[in-house]
Amino acid sequence: MVQPPPRPKVRRIWSAARRHPRLRFTRARLGRCLEVLDAQPGPQPPAGELSLVFLTDEALAKIHDDFLNDPGKTDVITFPGDKKENFAGEICVSVDRAILEAKKRRRKFAQELTLYLVHGWLHLAGLDDLTAKGRREMRLGERRLLRAVAQARVWPDFRLNAPVRRRV
């Protein structure tokens, strides 16, 4: 018998901006996943509103260049929040990177994109992956949170529309 997801410690307000033309998901499924993440023991992002942004590789690379002076493509960028403004932070993820990595690692696209959200979640919670020790802690945190999502059966239903073919 499947156990219902644990109740979150806080009622988190969140928003999701779908800036990738092919990405589709239902807010309810994504919300249930976030509730499970919020209910887990261990490091948590600060209380407050959480912003999620789903982008193309090009859009995230521009942000990477503008804010981190690195024009290269990346999978996740996080911006810490402001407790005074009741803002937990923002997680920006590349849908294109998740498509490529899911194929390369023979994973489901939804699981790869959820991994990116979890990775950003842990960054907002204070973890970093700049050192070997930090990377170990990050990978352990990712596995723990993804296991909780899997056990609660609350994977977001991330899916892709077919690419638009242009007529010549």
Protein backbone atom coordinates (compact mmCIF):
# COMPACT_ATOMS: atom_id res chain seq x y z
CA MET A 1 0.00 0.00 0.00
CA VAL A 2 1.32 3.42 -0.95
CA GLN A 3 1.67 5.81 1.97
CA PRO A 4 0.39 9.35 1.47
CA PRO A 5 3.16 11.93 1.20
CA PRO A 6 4.29 13.36 4.55
CA ARG A 7 2.79 16.71 5.48
CA PRO A 8 5.16 19.59 4.80
CA LYS A 9 6.52 21.54 7.74
CA VAL A 10 5.53 24.81 6.08
CA ARG A 11 2.99 25.72 3.45
CA ARG A 12 5.22 26.94 0.65
CA ILE A 13 4.04 29.37 -1.98
CA TRP A 14 5.65 28.69 -5.32
CA SER A 15 5.46 29.75 -8.93
CA ALA A 16 6.65 28.07 -12.11
CA ALA A 17 7.48 29.87 -15.33
CA ARG A 18 7.50 27.60 -18.37
CA ARG A 19 9.87 29.37 -20.78
CA HIS A 20 10.66 26.31 -22.87
CA PRO A 21 8.34 25.90 -25.86
CA ARG A 22 8.04 22.10 -25.63
CA LEU A 23 7.73 21.54 -21.89
CA ARG A 24 4.37 20.58 -20.38
CA PHE A 25 3.39 19.60 -16.82
CA THR A 26 0.51 19.90 -14.41
CA ARG A 27 0.89 22.29 -11.49
CA ALA A 28 -0.80 19.87 -9.08
CA ARG A 29 1.76 17.10 -9.68
CA LEU A 30 4.68 19.51 -9.36
CA GLY A 31 3.13 20.93 -6.19
CA ARG A 32 2.83 17.48 -4.60
CA CYS A 33 6.51 16.85 -5.34
CA LEU A 34 7.47 20.15 -3.69
CA GLU A 35 5.35 19.25 -0.63
CA VAL A 36 7.29 16.00 -0.27
CA LEU A 37 10.60 17.86 -0.56
CA ASP A 38 9.46 20.35 2.09
CA ALA A 39 8.48 17.53 4.46
CA GLN A 40 11.86 15.81 4.44
CA PRO A 41 14.34 16.08 7.31
CA GLY A 42 17.67 17.69 6.62
CA PRO A 43 18.69 20.91 4.93
CA GLN A 44 15.80 22.95 3.56
CA PRO A 45 15.57 26.17 1.58
CA PRO A 46 14.46 29.11 3.69
CA ALA A 47 10.75 29.64 4.22
CA GLY A 48 9.05 31.84 1.69
CA GLU A 49 8.04 31.90 -1.93
CA LEU A 50 9.97 29.68 -4.30
CA SER A 51 10.32 30.55 -7.99
CA LEU A 52 10.97 27.82 -10.58
CA VAL A 53 11.94 28.73 -14.14
CA PHE A 54 12.17 26.18 -16.96
CA LEU A 55 14.39 27.49 -19.77
CA THR A 56 16.11 26.63 -23.04
CA ASP A 57 19.86 26.04 -23.07
CA GLU A 58 20.42 29.40 -24.74
CA ALA A 59 18.38 31.33 -22.17
CA LEU A 60 20.10 29.67 -19.20
CA ALA A 61 23.54 30.18 -20.82
CA LYS A 62 22.76 33.90 -21.09
CA ILE A 63 21.88 34.04 -17.38
CA HIS A 64 25.05 32.05 -16.66
CA ASP A 65 27.06 34.66 -18.56
CA ASP A 66 25.22 37.71 -17.19
CA PHE A 67 25.41 36.71 -13.52
CA LEU A 68 28.39 34.35 -13.27
CA ASN A 69 30.56 35.60 -16.17
CA ASP A 70 30.55 32.13 -17.74
CA PRO A 71 28.97 31.86 -21.20
CA GLY A 72 28.90 28.05 -21.10
CA LYS A 73 25.77 25.94 -20.96
CA THR A 74 24.73 24.53 -17.59
CA ASP A 75 21.88 22.53 -16.10
CA VAL A 76 20.88 24.52 -13.00
CA ILE A 77 21.42 28.01 -11.61
CA THR A 78 20.00 29.14 -8.28
CA PHE A 79 19.53 32.60 -6.87
CA PRO A 80 19.24 32.83 -3.09
CA GLY A 81 16.20 34.51 -1.65
CA ASP A 82 15.67 37.28 0.84
CA LYS A 83 14.18 36.39 4.23
CA LYS A 84 13.02 39.96 4.77
CA GLU A 85 10.98 39.72 1.56
CA ASN A 86 9.71 36.20 2.41
CA PHE A 87 11.43 34.90 -0.75
CA ALA A 88 13.13 31.49 -0.59
CA GLY A 89 14.91 31.91 -3.91
CA GLU A 90 14.78 30.95 -7.55
CA ILE A 91 15.77 27.74 -9.33
CA CYS A 92 16.44 28.05 -13.06
CA VAL A 93 16.81 24.79 -15.01
CA SER A 94 17.62 23.90 -18.60
CA VAL A 95 15.01 21.64 -20.17
CA ASP A 96 17.31 21.10 -23.17
CA ARG A 97 20.13 19.89 -20.93
CA ALA A 98 17.70 17.46 -19.23
CA ILE A 99 16.64 16.09 -22.64
CA LEU A 100 20.27 15.44 -23.63
CA GLU A 101 21.39 14.03 -20.28
CA ALA A 102 18.33 11.77 -19.94
CA LYS A 103 19.17 10.18 -23.30
CA LYS A 104 22.86 9.88 -22.42
CA ARG A 105 22.17 8.34 -18.98
CA ARG A 106 19.21 6.25 -20.17
CA ARG A 107 16.87 7.90 -17.67
CA LYS A 108 13.36 9.14 -18.03
CA PHE A 109 13.21 12.81 -18.95
CA ALA A 110 10.91 13.59 -15.98
CA GLN A 111 13.39 12.05 -13.56
CA GLU A 112 16.33 14.00 -15.00
CA LEU A 113 14.45 17.31 -14.82
CA THR A 114 13.32 16.49 -11.27
CA LEU A 115 16.96 15.83 -10.37
CA TYR A 116 17.77 19.38 -11.53
CA LEU A 117 15.01 20.79 -9.32
CA VAL A 118 16.30 18.78 -6.35
CA HIS A 119 19.85 19.95 -7.06
CA GLY A 120 18.70 23.58 -7.07
CA TRP A 121 16.61 22.93 -3.94
CA LEU A 122 19.73 21.73 -2.13
CA HIS A 123 21.72 24.76 -3.29
CA LEU A 124 19.03 27.01 -1.78
CA ALA A 125 19.29 24.91 1.38
CA GLY A 126 22.97 25.84 1.64
CA LEU A 127 24.73 22.89 0.02
CA ASP A 128 27.37 23.50 -2.62
CA ASP A 129 29.29 21.26 -4.97
CA LEU A 130 32.51 23.26 -5.33
CA THR A 131 34.65 20.83 -3.31
CA ALA A 132 34.91 17.04 -3.26
CA LYS A 133 33.24 16.96 0.18
CA GLY A 134 30.49 19.30 -1.02
CA ARG A 135 29.87 17.15 -4.10
CA ARG A 136 29.55 14.02 -1.92
CA GLU A 137 27.06 15.79 0.35
CA MET A 138 25.13 17.05 -2.69
CA ARG A 139 24.93 13.58 -4.28
CA LEU A 140 23.77 12.06 -0.96
CA GLY A 141 21.12 14.76 -0.60
CA GLU A 142 19.96 14.25 -4.18
CA ARG A 143 19.61 10.49 -3.69
CA ARG A 144 17.76 10.95 -0.39
CA LEU A 145 15.26 13.44 -1.82
CA LEU A 146 14.73 11.55 -5.09
CA ARG A 147 14.10 8.39 -3.06
CA ALA A 148 11.45 10.25 -1.04
CA VAL A 149 9.79 11.46 -4.27
CA ALA A 150 9.84 7.92 -5.67
CA GLN A 151 8.48 6.35 -2.48
CA ALA A 152 5.64 8.87 -2.32
CA ARG A 153 5.01 8.38 -6.07
CA VAL A 154 4.86 12.10 -6.71
CA TRP A 155 7.15 12.48 -9.73
CA PRO A 156 6.18 15.63 -11.62
CA ASP A 157 4.60 14.72 -14.96
CA PHE A 158 7.17 16.61 -17.03
CA ARG A 159 6.68 15.82 -20.71
CA LEU A 160 7.62 17.26 -24.08
CA ASN A 161 5.51 18.23 -27.05
CA ALA A 162 6.86 17.12 -30.41
CA PRO A 163 9.31 19.58 -31.95
CA VAL A 164 7.74 22.06 -34.32
CA ARG A 165 8.85 21.42 -37.89
CA ARG A 166 9.31 24.47 -40.03
CA ARG A 167 8.31 24.35 -43.65
CA VAL A 168 10.88 25.59 -46.09
